[in-house]
Amino acid sequence: MTTLLQISEDMLALNNLIEEATSEDGEIDPAVAEALDQWFTTLLKDRDNKLDNYGALVRTLELRAAARKEEMERLAKRVAVDTNQAKYLKQRLREFLDLHKMPKVETRRYKFNCQNNGGVLPMQLPDDPETLPSYYQRIEIKADTDKIRADLAAGKQVSGCSLGVRGRHLRIM
């Protein structure tokens, strides 16, 4: 069985092993991680072929993730359309029932009840909250990360702050 990127049978077996040993939160079973470590120790034999297949497996997983993300976004748009259509239809039905003074209607399959919303009453606020008395204002303090970064880069000391170290990543081209 080959894929679009010609993954070897070893890589397919590795992929299947990883998929079976990955939990719902994306963590890989330590035993599988150990098997992968052993695979890397034998990497020197036929190194380029193994690395090529390894790269193909990673690329295939990235492509599959991208395809699934695209499908998820497409379905999310459909969910939004369906939700908006249902909301519109419910609003129109509520208007009809209100117009005909029918707060409750029962059909063969459904019961329709027009009722008031619960919870706290809605509130209108001024467009500019600064016009409210200070007693009714909430002040939030946030770190100005741009200024902190600039000062740290210039060699200044900022209490409790420091610049971290860039991480590393692997690019497969």
Protein backbone atom coordinates (compact mmCIF):
# COMPACT_ATOMS: atom_id res chain seq x y z
CA MET A 1 0.00 0.00 0.00
CA THR A 2 1.61 3.27 -1.07
CA THR A 3 0.54 6.85 -0.48
CA LEU A 4 0.79 9.97 -2.53
CA LEU A 5 4.32 10.50 -1.20
CA GLN A 6 5.44 6.85 -1.50
CA ILE A 7 5.81 6.05 2.19
CA SER A 8 7.59 2.77 2.83
CA GLU A 9 5.92 -0.10 4.65
CA ASP A 10 8.16 0.58 7.66
CA MET A 11 6.87 4.14 7.88
CA LEU A 12 3.27 3.00 7.46
CA ALA A 13 3.78 0.52 10.30
CA LEU A 14 5.36 3.28 12.39
CA ASN A 15 2.44 5.58 11.62
CA ASN A 16 -0.11 2.90 12.57
CA LEU A 17 1.77 2.21 15.80
CA ILE A 18 1.82 5.91 16.69
CA GLU A 19 -1.90 6.33 15.86
CA GLU A 20 -2.86 3.35 18.04
CA ALA A 21 -0.69 4.54 20.93
CA THR A 22 -1.79 8.19 20.90
CA SER A 23 -4.30 9.23 23.54
CA GLU A 24 -7.23 11.60 22.98
CA ASP A 25 -5.13 14.55 24.20
CA GLY A 26 -2.35 13.78 21.69
CA GLU A 27 0.13 12.17 24.09
CA ILE A 28 2.13 9.20 22.75
CA ASP A 29 2.56 6.04 24.84
CA PRO A 30 6.08 5.94 26.37
CA ALA A 31 6.63 2.41 25.02
CA VAL A 32 6.05 3.68 21.48
CA ALA A 33 8.37 6.62 22.12
CA GLU A 34 11.00 4.05 23.20
CA ALA A 35 10.48 2.07 19.98
CA LEU A 36 10.98 5.28 18.01
CA ASP A 37 14.20 5.96 19.94
CA GLN A 38 15.41 2.46 19.03
CA TRP A 39 14.55 3.15 15.39
CA PHE A 40 16.76 6.24 15.50
CA THR A 41 19.67 4.21 16.94
CA THR A 42 19.54 1.94 13.88
CA LEU A 43 19.25 4.95 11.58
CA LEU A 44 22.84 4.82 10.33
CA LYS A 45 22.06 1.72 8.30
CA ASP A 46 20.43 2.97 5.12
CA ARG A 47 20.23 6.45 6.66
CA ASP A 48 19.14 8.47 3.62
CA ASN A 49 16.39 6.05 2.64
CA LYS A 50 15.03 5.97 6.19
CA LEU A 51 15.19 9.75 6.53
CA ASP A 52 13.45 10.15 3.17
CA ASN A 53 10.63 7.84 4.28
CA TYR A 54 10.47 9.58 7.67
CA GLY A 55 10.12 12.95 5.92
CA ALA A 56 7.39 11.52 3.69
CA LEU A 57 5.48 10.31 6.76
CA VAL A 58 5.73 13.73 8.44
CA ARG A 59 4.66 15.50 5.25
CA THR A 60 1.72 13.12 4.78
CA LEU A 61 0.56 13.79 8.34
CA GLU A 62 0.88 17.55 7.76
CA LEU A 63 -1.11 17.31 4.52
CA ARG A 64 -3.79 15.19 6.20
CA ALA A 65 -4.02 17.68 9.06
CA ALA A 66 -4.37 20.55 6.57
CA ALA A 67 -7.09 18.69 4.65
CA ARG A 68 -8.95 17.92 7.88
CA LYS A 69 -8.63 21.55 9.00
CA GLU A 70 -10.02 22.73 5.66
CA GLU A 71 -12.93 20.29 5.96
CA MET A 72 -13.53 21.41 9.55
CA GLU A 73 -13.67 25.05 8.41
CA ARG A 74 -16.05 24.15 5.58
CA LEU A 75 -18.31 22.29 8.01
CA ALA A 76 -18.11 25.16 10.52
CA LYS A 77 -19.47 27.48 7.81
CA ARG A 78 -22.31 25.03 7.17
CA VAL A 79 -23.01 24.87 10.92
CA ALA A 80 -23.24 28.67 11.01
CA VAL A 81 -25.62 28.70 8.02
CA ASP A 82 -27.86 26.01 9.53
CA THR A 83 -27.83 27.75 12.93
CA ASN A 84 -28.76 31.11 11.40
CA GLN A 85 -31.54 29.55 9.32
CA ALA A 86 -33.00 27.79 12.35
CA LYS A 87 -32.79 31.01 14.38
CA TYR A 88 -34.53 32.95 11.61
CA LEU A 89 -37.30 30.35 11.26
CA LYS A 90 -37.87 30.27 15.04
CA GLN A 91 -38.08 34.07 15.11
CA ARG A 92 -40.63 34.11 12.28
CA LEU A 93 -42.72 31.40 13.97
CA ARG A 94 -42.62 33.29 17.29
CA GLU A 95 -43.78 36.45 15.50
CA PHE A 96 -46.62 34.51 13.86
CA LEU A 97 -47.73 32.95 17.16
CA ASP A 98 -47.50 36.33 18.94
CA LEU A 99 -49.51 38.03 16.18
CA HIS A 100 -52.27 35.44 16.51
CA LYS A 101 -52.07 35.44 20.32
CA MET A 102 -51.24 31.76 20.47
CA PRO A 103 -48.60 31.33 23.21
CA LYS A 104 -48.87 27.52 23.15
CA VAL A 105 -49.52 25.16 20.26
CA GLU A 106 -49.19 21.40 20.21
CA THR A 107 -48.86 19.38 17.01
CA ARG A 108 -48.45 15.68 16.41
CA ARG A 109 -44.67 15.86 16.98
CA TYR A 110 -43.90 19.15 18.71
CA LYS A 111 -45.01 21.57 21.38
CA PHE A 112 -44.43 25.26 20.73
CA ASN A 113 -44.28 27.64 23.70
CA CYS A 114 -43.69 31.37 23.38
CA GLN A 115 -42.29 32.55 26.69
CA ASN A 116 -40.20 35.32 28.20
CA ASN A 117 -36.47 34.89 28.58
CA GLY A 118 -35.08 34.25 32.05
CA GLY A 119 -31.91 35.47 33.67
CA VAL A 120 -30.84 39.00 34.48
CA LEU A 121 -32.48 41.89 32.69
CA PRO A 122 -30.59 43.32 29.73
CA MET A 123 -28.79 46.59 30.37
CA GLN A 124 -28.04 49.56 28.12
CA LEU A 125 -24.67 51.24 28.73
CA PRO A 126 -23.19 54.42 27.29
CA ASP A 127 -20.92 53.95 24.28
CA ASP A 128 -18.02 55.47 26.23
CA PRO A 129 -17.60 53.83 29.65
CA GLU A 130 -15.38 56.74 30.76
CA THR A 131 -18.55 58.84 31.06
CA LEU A 132 -19.69 56.63 33.93
CA PRO A 133 -18.80 57.63 37.51
CA SER A 134 -15.49 56.06 38.58
CA TYR A 135 -17.37 53.87 41.08
CA TYR A 136 -18.88 52.02 38.09
CA GLN A 137 -15.63 51.65 36.16
CA ARG A 138 -13.23 48.71 36.24
CA ILE A 139 -9.58 49.46 35.66
CA GLU A 140 -7.41 46.73 34.18
CA ILE A 141 -3.63 46.79 34.29
CA LYS A 142 -1.76 44.95 31.56
CA ALA A 143 1.95 44.61 30.91
CA ASP A 144 3.25 46.69 28.00
CA THR A 145 5.26 43.86 26.47
CA ASP A 146 6.57 45.99 23.60
CA LYS A 147 8.20 48.49 25.99
CA ILE A 148 9.52 45.71 28.25
CA ARG A 149 11.04 43.87 25.26
CA ALA A 150 12.65 47.07 23.94
CA ASP A 151 14.16 47.92 27.33
CA LEU A 152 15.46 44.37 27.87
CA ALA A 153 16.97 44.36 24.37
CA ALA A 154 18.66 47.69 25.17
CA GLY A 155 20.27 46.08 28.24
CA LYS A 156 18.03 47.66 30.88
CA GLN A 157 16.92 45.69 33.93
CA VAL A 158 13.15 45.18 34.32
CA SER A 159 12.18 43.59 37.62
CA GLY A 160 10.93 40.02 37.16
CA CYS A 161 11.37 40.08 33.38
CA SER A 162 13.89 38.53 31.02
CA LEU A 163 14.17 37.55 27.39
CA GLY A 164 13.90 33.84 26.74
CA VAL A 165 15.77 31.61 24.33
CA ARG A 166 14.40 30.88 20.89
CA GLY A 167 13.25 27.31 20.39
CA ARG A 168 14.35 25.06 17.55
CA HIS A 169 12.32 23.32 14.91
CA LEU A 170 12.82 21.01 12.00
CA ARG A 171 11.94 22.17 8.51
CA ILE A 172 11.28 19.44 5.95
CA MET A 173 11.54 20.75 2.40
